[in-house]
Structure formats: C-alpha cells, structure tokens
mmCIF file of all heavy atoms, coordinates in Angstrom:
data_MODEL
# 
_entry.id   MODEL 
# 
loop_
_atom_site.group_PDB 
_atom_site.id 
_atom_site.type_symbol 
_atom_site.label_atom_id 
_atom_site.label_alt_id 
_atom_site.label_comp_id 
_atom_site.label_asym_id 
_atom_site.label_entity_id 
_atom_site.label_seq_id 
_atom_site.pdbx_PDB_ins_code 
_atom_site.Cartn_x 
_atom_site.Cartn_y 
_atom_site.Cartn_z 
_atom_site.occupancy 
_atom_site.B_iso_or_equiv 
_atom_site.pdbx_formal_charge 
_atom_site.auth_seq_id 
_atom_site.auth_comp_id 
_atom_site.auth_asym_id 
_atom_site.auth_atom_id 
_atom_site.pdbx_PDB_model_num 
ATOM 1   N N   . ARG A 1 1  ? 0.835  -1.207 0.000   1.00 0.00 ? 1  ARG A N   1 
ATOM 2   C CA  . ARG A 1 1  ? 0.000  0.000  0.000   1.00 0.00 ? 1  ARG A CA  1 
ATOM 3   C C   . ARG A 1 1  ? 0.873  1.261  0.000   1.00 0.00 ? 1  ARG A C   1 
ATOM 4   O O   . ARG A 1 1  ? 0.605  2.212  -0.724  1.00 0.00 ? 1  ARG A O   1 
ATOM 5   C CB  . ARG A 1 1  ? -0.927 0.021  1.219   1.00 0.00 ? 1  ARG A CB  1 
ATOM 6   C CG  . ARG A 1 1  ? -2.056 -0.966 1.141   1.00 0.00 ? 1  ARG A CG  1 
ATOM 7   C CD  . ARG A 1 1  ? -2.935 -0.895 2.400   1.00 0.00 ? 1  ARG A CD  1 
ATOM 8   N NE  . ARG A 1 1  ? -3.746 -2.061 2.575   1.00 0.00 ? 1  ARG A NE  1 
ATOM 9   C CZ  . ARG A 1 1  ? -4.902 -2.271 1.955   1.00 0.00 ? 1  ARG A CZ  1 
ATOM 10  N NH1 . ARG A 1 1  ? -5.364 -1.387 1.121   1.00 0.00 ? 1  ARG A NH1 1 
ATOM 11  N NH2 . ARG A 1 1  ? -5.576 -3.379 2.175   1.00 0.00 ? 1  ARG A NH2 1 
ATOM 12  N N   . LEU A 1 2  ? 1.927  1.239  0.819   1.00 0.00 ? 2  LEU A N   1 
ATOM 13  C CA  . LEU A 1 2  ? 2.837  2.394  0.865   1.00 0.00 ? 2  LEU A CA  1 
ATOM 14  C C   . LEU A 1 2  ? 3.532  2.609  -0.468  1.00 0.00 ? 2  LEU A C   1 
ATOM 15  O O   . LEU A 1 2  ? 3.647  3.744  -0.945  1.00 0.00 ? 2  LEU A O   1 
ATOM 16  C CB  . LEU A 1 2  ? 3.883  2.210  1.976   1.00 0.00 ? 2  LEU A CB  1 
ATOM 17  C CG  . LEU A 1 2  ? 3.378  2.361  3.408   1.00 0.00 ? 2  LEU A CG  1 
ATOM 18  C CD1 . LEU A 1 2  ? 4.468  1.981  4.400   1.00 0.00 ? 2  LEU A CD1 1 
ATOM 19  C CD2 . LEU A 1 2  ? 2.908  3.787  3.648   1.00 0.00 ? 2  LEU A CD2 1 
ATOM 20  N N   . SER A 1 3  ? 3.988  1.524  -1.086  1.00 0.00 ? 3  SER A N   1 
ATOM 21  C CA  . SER A 1 3  ? 4.694  1.669  -2.359  1.00 0.00 ? 3  SER A CA  1 
ATOM 22  C C   . SER A 1 3  ? 3.730  2.124  -3.462  1.00 0.00 ? 3  SER A C   1 
ATOM 23  O O   . SER A 1 3  ? 4.107  2.927  -4.321  1.00 0.00 ? 3  SER A O   1 
ATOM 24  C CB  . SER A 1 3  ? 5.421  0.390  -2.758  1.00 0.00 ? 3  SER A CB  1 
ATOM 25  O OG  . SER A 1 3  ? 4.523  -0.628 -3.072  1.00 0.00 ? 3  SER A OG  1 
ATOM 26  N N   . LEU A 1 4  ? 2.483  1.663  -3.436  1.00 0.00 ? 4  LEU A N   1 
ATOM 27  C CA  . LEU A 1 4  ? 1.501  2.118  -4.428  1.00 0.00 ? 4  LEU A CA  1 
ATOM 28  C C   . LEU A 1 4  ? 1.180  3.599  -4.246  1.00 0.00 ? 4  LEU A C   1 
ATOM 29  O O   . LEU A 1 4  ? 1.028  4.337  -5.224  1.00 0.00 ? 4  LEU A O   1 
ATOM 30  C CB  . LEU A 1 4  ? 0.218  1.284  -4.334  1.00 0.00 ? 4  LEU A CB  1 
ATOM 31  C CG  . LEU A 1 4  ? 0.311  -0.141 -4.854  1.00 0.00 ? 4  LEU A CG  1 
ATOM 32  C CD1 . LEU A 1 4  ? -0.984 -0.893 -4.562  1.00 0.00 ? 4  LEU A CD1 1 
ATOM 33  C CD2 . LEU A 1 4  ? 0.610  -0.169 -6.338  1.00 0.00 ? 4  LEU A CD2 1 
ATOM 34  N N   . ALA A 1 5  ? 1.077  4.044  -2.989  1.00 0.00 ? 5  ALA A N   1 
ATOM 35  C CA  . ALA A 1 5  ? 0.821  5.463  -2.723  1.00 0.00 ? 5  ALA A CA  1 
ATOM 36  C C   . ALA A 1 5  ? 1.992  6.306  -3.242  1.00 0.00 ? 5  ALA A C   1 
ATOM 37  O O   . ALA A 1 5  ? 1.788  7.381  -3.816  1.00 0.00 ? 5  ALA A O   1 
ATOM 38  C CB  . ALA A 1 5  ? 0.617  5.701  -1.234  1.00 0.00 ? 5  ALA A CB  1 
ATOM 39  N N   . LYS A 1 6  ? 3.199  5.797  -3.065  1.00 0.00 ? 6  LYS A N   1 
ATOM 40  C CA  . LYS A 1 6  ? 4.396  6.497  -3.555  1.00 0.00 ? 6  LYS A CA  1 
ATOM 41  C C   . LYS A 1 6  ? 4.376  6.590  -5.084  1.00 0.00 ? 6  LYS A C   1 
ATOM 42  O O   . LYS A 1 6  ? 4.669  7.646  -5.653  1.00 0.00 ? 6  LYS A O   1 
ATOM 43  C CB  . LYS A 1 6  ? 5.651  5.763  -3.077  1.00 0.00 ? 6  LYS A CB  1 
ATOM 44  C CG  . LYS A 1 6  ? 6.937  6.450  -3.435  1.00 0.00 ? 6  LYS A CG  1 
ATOM 45  C CD  . LYS A 1 6  ? 8.121  5.676  -2.885  1.00 0.00 ? 6  LYS A CD  1 
ATOM 46  C CE  . LYS A 1 6  ? 9.418  6.291  -3.369  1.00 0.00 ? 6  LYS A CE  1 
ATOM 47  N NZ  . LYS A 1 6  ? 10.583 5.507  -3.003  1.00 0.00 ? 6  LYS A NZ  1 
ATOM 48  N N   . VAL A 1 7  ? 4.017  5.507  -5.754  1.00 0.00 ? 7  VAL A N   1 
ATOM 49  C CA  . VAL A 1 7  ? 3.927  5.500  -7.214  1.00 0.00 ? 7  VAL A CA  1 
ATOM 50  C C   . VAL A 1 7  ? 2.878  6.507  -7.678  1.00 0.00 ? 7  VAL A C   1 
ATOM 51  O O   . VAL A 1 7  ? 3.099  7.250  -8.643  1.00 0.00 ? 7  VAL A O   1 
ATOM 52  C CB  . VAL A 1 7  ? 3.595  4.080  -7.736  1.00 0.00 ? 7  VAL A CB  1 
ATOM 53  C CG1 . VAL A 1 7  ? 3.223  4.106  -9.206  1.00 0.00 ? 7  VAL A CG1 1 
ATOM 54  C CG2 . VAL A 1 7  ? 4.770  3.151  -7.513  1.00 0.00 ? 7  VAL A CG2 1 
ATOM 55  N N   . ALA A 1 8  ? 1.734  6.543  -6.986  1.00 0.00 ? 8  ALA A N   1 
ATOM 56  C CA  . ALA A 1 8  ? 0.675  7.489  -7.345  1.00 0.00 ? 8  ALA A CA  1 
ATOM 57  C C   . ALA A 1 8  ? 1.183  8.926  -7.231  1.00 0.00 ? 8  ALA A C   1 
ATOM 58  O O   . ALA A 1 8  ? 0.936  9.759  -8.117  1.00 0.00 ? 8  ALA A O   1 
ATOM 59  C CB  . ALA A 1 8  ? -0.551 7.283  -6.450  1.00 0.00 ? 8  ALA A CB  1 
ATOM 60  N N   . LYS A 1 9  ? 1.921  9.230  -6.162  1.00 0.00 ? 9  LYS A N   1 
ATOM 61  C CA  . LYS A 1 9  ? 2.482  10.581 -5.998  1.00 0.00 ? 9  LYS A CA  1 
ATOM 62  C C   . LYS A 1 9  ? 3.464  10.908 -7.110  1.00 0.00 ? 9  LYS A C   1 
ATOM 63  O O   . LYS A 1 9  ? 3.486  12.037 -7.619  1.00 0.00 ? 9  LYS A O   1 
ATOM 64  C CB  . LYS A 1 9  ? 3.168  10.705 -4.632  1.00 0.00 ? 9  LYS A CB  1 
ATOM 65  C CG  . LYS A 1 9  ? 2.193  10.786 -3.487  1.00 0.00 ? 9  LYS A CG  1 
ATOM 66  C CD  . LYS A 1 9  ? 2.901  10.829 -2.152  1.00 0.00 ? 9  LYS A CD  1 
ATOM 67  C CE  . LYS A 1 9  ? 1.864  10.806 -1.041  1.00 0.00 ? 9  LYS A CE  1 
ATOM 68  N NZ  . LYS A 1 9  ? 2.390  10.422 0.226   1.00 0.00 ? 9  LYS A NZ  1 
ATOM 69  N N   . GLU A 1 10 ? 4.280  9.915  -7.503  1.00 0.00 ? 10 GLU A N   1 
ATOM 70  C CA  . GLU A 1 10 ? 5.239  10.134 -8.592  1.00 0.00 ? 10 GLU A CA  1 
ATOM 71  C C   . GLU A 1 10 ? 4.522  10.442 -9.903  1.00 0.00 ? 10 GLU A C   1 
ATOM 72  O O   . GLU A 1 10 ? 4.942  11.325 -10.650 1.00 0.00 ? 10 GLU A O   1 
ATOM 73  C CB  . GLU A 1 10 ? 6.141  8.907  -8.772  1.00 0.00 ? 10 GLU A CB  1 
ATOM 74  C CG  . GLU A 1 10 ? 7.151  8.731  -7.660  1.00 0.00 ? 10 GLU A CG  1 
ATOM 75  C CD  . GLU A 1 10 ? 7.874  7.392  -7.715  1.00 0.00 ? 10 GLU A CD  1 
ATOM 76  O OE1 . GLU A 1 10 ? 7.636  6.591  -8.659  1.00 0.00 ? 10 GLU A OE1 1 
ATOM 77  O OE2 . GLU A 1 10 ? 8.675  7.128  -6.803  1.00 0.00 ? 10 GLU A OE2 1 
ATOM 78  N N   . LYS A 1 11 ? 3.437  9.713  -10.182 1.00 0.00 ? 11 LYS A N   1 
ATOM 79  C CA  . LYS A 1 11 ? 2.666  9.942  -11.413 1.00 0.00 ? 11 LYS A CA  1 
ATOM 80  C C   . LYS A 1 11 ? 2.095  11.354 -11.428 1.00 0.00 ? 11 LYS A C   1 
ATOM 81  O O   . LYS A 1 11 ? 2.130  12.041 -12.448 1.00 0.00 ? 11 LYS A O   1 
ATOM 82  C CB  . LYS A 1 11 ? 1.530  8.928  -11.539 1.00 0.00 ? 11 LYS A CB  1 
ATOM 83  C CG  . LYS A 1 11 ? 1.965  7.498  -11.610 1.00 0.00 ? 11 LYS A CG  1 
ATOM 84  C CD  . LYS A 1 11 ? 2.515  7.139  -12.942 1.00 0.00 ? 11 LYS A CD  1 
ATOM 85  C CE  . LYS A 1 11 ? 2.806  5.651  -13.011 1.00 0.00 ? 11 LYS A CE  1 
ATOM 86  N NZ  . LYS A 1 11 ? 3.623  5.311  -14.147 1.00 0.00 ? 11 LYS A NZ  1 
ATOM 87  N N   . ILE A 1 12 ? 1.576  11.800 -10.279 1.00 0.00 ? 12 ILE A N   1 
ATOM 88  C CA  . ILE A 1 12 ? 1.012  13.148 -10.196 1.00 0.00 ? 12 ILE A CA  1 
ATOM 89  C C   . ILE A 1 12 ? 2.129  14.187 -10.356 1.00 0.00 ? 12 ILE A C   1 
ATOM 90  O O   . ILE A 1 12 ? 1.956  15.196 -11.030 1.00 0.00 ? 12 ILE A O   1 
ATOM 91  C CB  . ILE A 1 12 ? 0.235  13.345 -8.876  1.00 0.00 ? 12 ILE A CB  1 
ATOM 92  C CG1 . ILE A 1 12 ? -1.043 12.510 -8.889  1.00 0.00 ? 12 ILE A CG1 1 
ATOM 93  C CG2 . ILE A 1 12 ? -0.074 14.814 -8.620  1.00 0.00 ? 12 ILE A CG2 1 
ATOM 94  C CD1 . ILE A 1 12 ? -2.051 12.891 -9.969  1.00 0.00 ? 12 ILE A CD1 1 
ATOM 95  N N   . GLU A 1 13 ? 3.275  13.928 -9.762  1.00 0.00 ? 13 GLU A N   1 
ATOM 96  C CA  . GLU A 1 13 ? 4.397  14.876 -9.886  1.00 0.00 ? 13 GLU A CA  1 
ATOM 97  C C   . GLU A 1 13 ? 4.865  14.983 -11.335 1.00 0.00 ? 13 GLU A C   1 
ATOM 98  O O   . GLU A 1 13 ? 5.197  16.070 -11.801 1.00 0.00 ? 13 GLU A O   1 
ATOM 99  C CB  . GLU A 1 13 ? 5.549  14.474 -8.958  1.00 0.00 ? 13 GLU A CB  1 
ATOM 100 C CG  . GLU A 1 13 ? 6.580  15.552 -8.757  1.00 0.00 ? 13 GLU A CG  1 
ATOM 101 C CD  . GLU A 1 13 ? 5.996  16.922 -8.372  1.00 0.00 ? 13 GLU A CD  1 
ATOM 102 O OE1 . GLU A 1 13 ? 5.137  17.001 -7.480  1.00 0.00 ? 13 GLU A OE1 1 
ATOM 103 O OE2 . GLU A 1 13 ? 6.403  17.933 -8.996  1.00 0.00 ? 13 GLU A OE2 1 
ATOM 104 N N   . GLU A 1 14 ? 4.878  13.858 -12.056 1.00 0.00 ? 14 GLU A N   1 
ATOM 105 C CA  . GLU A 1 14 ? 5.219  13.895 -13.484 1.00 0.00 ? 14 GLU A CA  1 
ATOM 106 C C   . GLU A 1 14 ? 4.237  14.794 -14.236 1.00 0.00 ? 14 GLU A C   1 
ATOM 107 O O   . GLU A 1 14 ? 4.633  15.572 -15.100 1.00 0.00 ? 14 GLU A O   1 
ATOM 108 C CB  . GLU A 1 14 ? 5.163  12.490 -14.088 1.00 0.00 ? 14 GLU A CB  1 
ATOM 109 C CG  . GLU A 1 14 ? 6.298  11.589 -13.711 1.00 0.00 ? 14 GLU A CG  1 
ATOM 110 C CD  . GLU A 1 14 ? 6.069  10.144 -14.173 1.00 0.00 ? 14 GLU A CD  1 
ATOM 111 O OE1 . GLU A 1 14 ? 5.235  9.900  -15.075 1.00 0.00 ? 14 GLU A OE1 1 
ATOM 112 O OE2 . GLU A 1 14 ? 6.740  9.258  -13.619 1.00 0.00 ? 14 GLU A OE2 1 
ATOM 113 N N   . SER A 1 15 ? 2.963  14.673 -13.897 1.00 0.00 ? 15 SER A N   1 
ATOM 114 C CA  . SER A 1 15 ? 1.937  15.492 -14.548 1.00 0.00 ? 15 SER A CA  1 
ATOM 115 C C   . SER A 1 15 ? 2.118  16.968 -14.198 1.00 0.00 ? 15 SER A C   1 
ATOM 116 O O   . SER A 1 15 ? 1.959  17.842 -15.050 1.00 0.00 ? 15 SER A O   1 
ATOM 117 C CB  . SER A 1 15 ? 0.540  15.023 -14.152 1.00 0.00 ? 15 SER A CB  1 
ATOM 118 O OG  . SER A 1 15 ? 0.327  13.722 -14.634 1.00 0.00 ? 15 SER A OG  1 
ATOM 119 N N   . ARG A 1 16 ? 2.461  17.249 -12.949 1.00 0.00 ? 16 ARG A N   1 
ATOM 120 C CA  . ARG A 1 16 ? 2.706  18.639 -12.552 1.00 0.00 ? 16 ARG A CA  1 
ATOM 121 C C   . ARG A 1 16 ? 3.889  19.215 -13.334 1.00 0.00 ? 16 ARG A C   1 
ATOM 122 O O   . ARG A 1 16 ? 3.877  20.376 -13.736 1.00 0.00 ? 16 ARG A O   1 
ATOM 123 C CB  . ARG A 1 16 ? 2.995  18.730 -11.058 1.00 0.00 ? 16 ARG A CB  1 
ATOM 124 C CG  . ARG A 1 16 ? 1.793  18.530 -10.172 1.00 0.00 ? 16 ARG A CG  1 
ATOM 125 C CD  . ARG A 1 16 ? 2.175  18.772 -8.708  1.00 0.00 ? 16 ARG A CD  1 
ATOM 126 N NE  . ARG A 1 16 ? 1.287  18.144 -7.780  1.00 0.00 ? 16 ARG A NE  1 
ATOM 127 C CZ  . ARG A 1 16 ? 0.120  18.658 -7.389  1.00 0.00 ? 16 ARG A CZ  1 
ATOM 128 N NH1 . ARG A 1 16 ? -0.286 19.807 -7.860  1.00 0.00 ? 16 ARG A NH1 1 
ATOM 129 N NH2 . ARG A 1 16 ? -0.630 17.997 -6.512  1.00 0.00 ? 16 ARG A NH2 1 
ATOM 130 N N   . THR A 1 17 ? 4.926  18.391 -13.552 1.00 0.00 ? 17 THR A N   1 
ATOM 131 C CA  . THR A 1 17 ? 6.091  18.836 -14.302 1.00 0.00 ? 17 THR A CA  1 
ATOM 132 C C   . THR A 1 17 ? 5.701  19.162 -15.741 1.00 0.00 ? 17 THR A C   1 
ATOM 133 O O   . THR A 1 17 ? 6.136  20.181 -16.289 1.00 0.00 ? 17 THR A O   1 
ATOM 134 C CB  . THR A 1 17 ? 7.191  17.748 -14.277 1.00 0.00 ? 17 THR A CB  1 
ATOM 135 O OG1 . THR A 1 17 ? 7.518  17.480 -12.907 1.00 0.00 ? 17 THR A OG1 1 
ATOM 136 C CG2 . THR A 1 17 ? 8.427  18.185 -15.013 1.00 0.00 ? 17 THR A CG2 1 
ATOM 137 N N   . ARG A 1 18 ? 4.874  18.315 -16.343 1.00 0.00 ? 18 ARG A N   1 
ATOM 138 C CA  . ARG A 1 18 ? 4.402  18.577 -17.705 1.00 0.00 ? 18 ARG A CA  1 
ATOM 139 C C   . ARG A 1 18 ? 3.614  19.892 -17.747 1.00 0.00 ? 18 ARG A C   1 
ATOM 140 O O   . ARG A 1 18 ? 3.739  20.675 -18.688 1.00 0.00 ? 18 ARG A O   1 
ATOM 141 C CB  . ARG A 1 18 ? 3.515  17.440 -18.184 1.00 0.00 ? 18 ARG A CB  1 
ATOM 142 C CG  . ARG A 1 18 ? 4.275  16.155 -18.421 1.00 0.00 ? 18 ARG A CG  1 
ATOM 143 C CD  . ARG A 1 18 ? 3.372  15.002 -18.692 1.00 0.00 ? 18 ARG A CD  1 
ATOM 144 N NE  . ARG A 1 18 ? 2.840  15.044 -20.041 1.00 0.00 ? 18 ARG A NE  1 
ATOM 145 C CZ  . ARG A 1 18 ? 2.059  14.109 -20.549 1.00 0.00 ? 18 ARG A CZ  1 
ATOM 146 N NH1 . ARG A 1 18 ? 1.718  13.074 -19.816 1.00 0.00 ? 18 ARG A NH1 1 
ATOM 147 N NH2 . ARG A 1 18 ? 1.619  14.202 -21.779 1.00 0.00 ? 18 ARG A NH2 1 
ATOM 148 N N   . LEU A 1 19 ? 2.800  20.105 -16.725 1.00 0.00 ? 19 LEU A N   1 
ATOM 149 C CA  . LEU A 1 19 ? 1.999  21.328 -16.653 1.00 0.00 ? 19 LEU A CA  1 
ATOM 150 C C   . LEU A 1 19 ? 2.897  22.553 -16.502 1.00 0.00 ? 19 LEU A C   1 
ATOM 151 O O   . LEU A 1 19 ? 2.682  23.573 -17.166 1.00 0.00 ? 19 LEU A O   1 
ATOM 152 C CB  . LEU A 1 19 ? 1.007  21.237 -15.487 1.00 0.00 ? 19 LEU A CB  1 
ATOM 153 C CG  . LEU A 1 19 ? 0.061  22.406 -15.305 1.00 0.00 ? 19 LEU A CG  1 
ATOM 154 C CD1 . LEU A 1 19 ? -0.863 22.540 -16.511 1.00 0.00 ? 19 LEU A CD1 1 
ATOM 155 C CD2 . LEU A 1 19 ? -0.764 22.224 -14.048 1.00 0.00 ? 19 LEU A CD2 1 
ATOM 156 N N   . ARG A 1 20 ? 3.920  22.461 -15.641 1.00 0.00 ? 20 ARG A N   1 
ATOM 157 C CA  . ARG A 1 20 ? 4.854  23.586 -15.464 1.00 0.00 ? 20 ARG A CA  1 
ATOM 158 C C   . ARG A 1 20 ? 5.564  23.912 -16.769 1.00 0.00 ? 20 ARG A C   1 
ATOM 159 O O   . ARG A 1 20 ? 5.757  25.077 -17.114 1.00 0.00 ? 20 ARG A O   1 
ATOM 160 C CB  . ARG A 1 20 ? 5.880  23.277 -14.373 1.00 0.00 ? 20 ARG A CB  1 
ATOM 161 C CG  . ARG A 1 20 ? 5.361  23.483 -12.967 1.00 0.00 ? 20 ARG A CG  1 
ATOM 162 C CD  . ARG A 1 20 ? 6.480  23.456 -11.939 1.00 0.00 ? 20 ARG A CD  1 
ATOM 163 N NE  . ARG A 1 20 ? 7.119  22.158 -11.819 1.00 0.00 ? 20 ARG A NE  1 
ATOM 164 C CZ  . ARG A 1 20 ? 6.717  21.192 -11.008 1.00 0.00 ? 20 ARG A CZ  1 
ATOM 165 N NH1 . ARG A 1 20 ? 5.660  21.377 -10.231 1.00 0.00 ? 20 ARG A NH1 1 
ATOM 166 N NH2 . ARG A 1 20 ? 7.356  20.048 -10.958 1.00 0.00 ? 20 ARG A NH2 1 
ATOM 167 N N   . SER A 1 21 ? 5.945  22.884 -17.497 1.00 0.00 ? 21 SER A N   1 
ATOM 168 C CA  . SER A 1 21 ? 6.615  23.082 -18.782 1.00 0.00 ? 21 SER A CA  1 
ATOM 169 C C   . SER A 1 21 ? 5.705  23.834 -19.756 1.00 0.00 ? 21 SER A C   1 
ATOM 170 O O   . SER A 1 21 ? 6.134  24.789 -20.420 1.00 0.00 ? 21 SER A O   1 
ATOM 171 C CB  . SER A 1 21 ? 7.015  21.727 -19.358 1.00 0.00 ? 21 SER A CB  1 
ATOM 172 O OG  . SER A 1 21 ? 7.497  21.859 -20.648 1.00 0.00 ? 21 SER A OG  1 
ATOM 173 N N   . ALA A 1 22 ? 4.451  23.422 -19.826 1.00 0.00 ? 22 ALA A N   1 
ATOM 174 C CA  . ALA A 1 22 ? 3.487  24.099 -20.704 1.00 0.00 ? 22 ALA A CA  1 
ATOM 175 C C   . ALA A 1 22 ? 3.270  25.541 -20.245 1.00 0.00 ? 22 ALA A C   1 
ATOM 176 O O   . ALA A 1 22 ? 3.197  26.467 -21.070 1.00 0.00 ? 22 ALA A O   1 
ATOM 177 C CB  . ALA A 1 22 ? 2.160  23.339 -20.708 1.00 0.00 ? 22 ALA A CB  1 
ATOM 178 N N   . ARG A 1 23 ? 3.206  25.739 -18.923 1.00 0.00 ? 23 ARG A N   1 
ATOM 179 C CA  . ARG A 1 23 ? 3.032  27.099 -18.384 1.00 0.00 ? 23 ARG A CA  1 
ATOM 180 C C   . ARG A 1 23 ? 4.208  27.988 -18.774 1.00 0.00 ? 23 ARG A C   1 
ATOM 181 O O   . ARG A 1 23 ? 4.039  29.133 -19.181 1.00 0.00 ? 23 ARG A O   1 
ATOM 182 C CB  . ARG A 1 23 ? 2.900  27.051 -16.864 1.00 0.00 ? 23 ARG A CB  1 
ATOM 183 C CG  . ARG A 1 23 ? 2.720  28.435 -16.236 1.00 0.00 ? 23 ARG A CG  1 
ATOM 184 C CD  . ARG A 1 23 ? 2.972  28.440 -14.765 1.00 0.00 ? 23 ARG A CD  1 
ATOM 185 N NE  . ARG A 1 23 ? 4.345  28.031 -14.499 1.00 0.00 ? 23 ARG A NE  1 
ATOM 186 C CZ  . ARG A 1 23 ? 4.785  27.640 -13.316 1.00 0.00 ? 23 ARG A CZ  1 
ATOM 187 N NH1 . ARG A 1 23 ? 3.964  27.578 -12.286 1.00 0.00 ? 23 ARG A NH1 1 
ATOM 188 N NH2 . ARG A 1 23 ? 6.041  27.317 -13.141 1.00 0.00 ? 23 ARG A NH2 1 
ATOM 189 N N   . ASP A 1 24 ? 5.427  27.442 -18.667 1.00 0.00 ? 24 ASP A N   1 
ATOM 190 C CA  . ASP A 1 24 ? 6.617  28.219 -19.015 1.00 0.00 ? 24 ASP A CA  1 
ATOM 191 C C   . ASP A 1 24 ? 6.626  28.621 -20.490 1.00 0.00 ? 24 ASP A C   1 
ATOM 192 O O   . ASP A 1 24 ? 7.025  29.733 -20.839 1.00 0.00 ? 24 ASP A O   1 
ATOM 193 C CB  . ASP A 1 24 ? 7.893  27.437 -18.667 1.00 0.00 ? 24 ASP A CB  1 
ATOM 194 C CG  . ASP A 1 24 ? 8.072  27.266 -17.164 1.00 0.00 ? 24 ASP A CG  1 
ATOM 195 O OD1 . ASP A 1 24 ? 7.384  27.969 -16.389 1.00 0.00 ? 24 ASP A OD1 1 
ATOM 196 O OD2 . ASP A 1 24 ? 8.899  26.411 -16.770 1.00 0.00 ? 24 ASP A OD2 1 
# 
C-alpha cells in the first residue's frame, strides 16, 4: 500500500512537471 501510494504521488508529480513546462 505504501509503495503504491508512492507510485501514485510520482505519477502526479510527473503530470505537474508537464503542466509547469506548458506554463513556461
């Protein structure tokens, strides 16, 4: 459960990075 939660956070962070790139 902990490792899945960590993976979920990583996926969201990847999406945030894509969003920041588009914003820039």
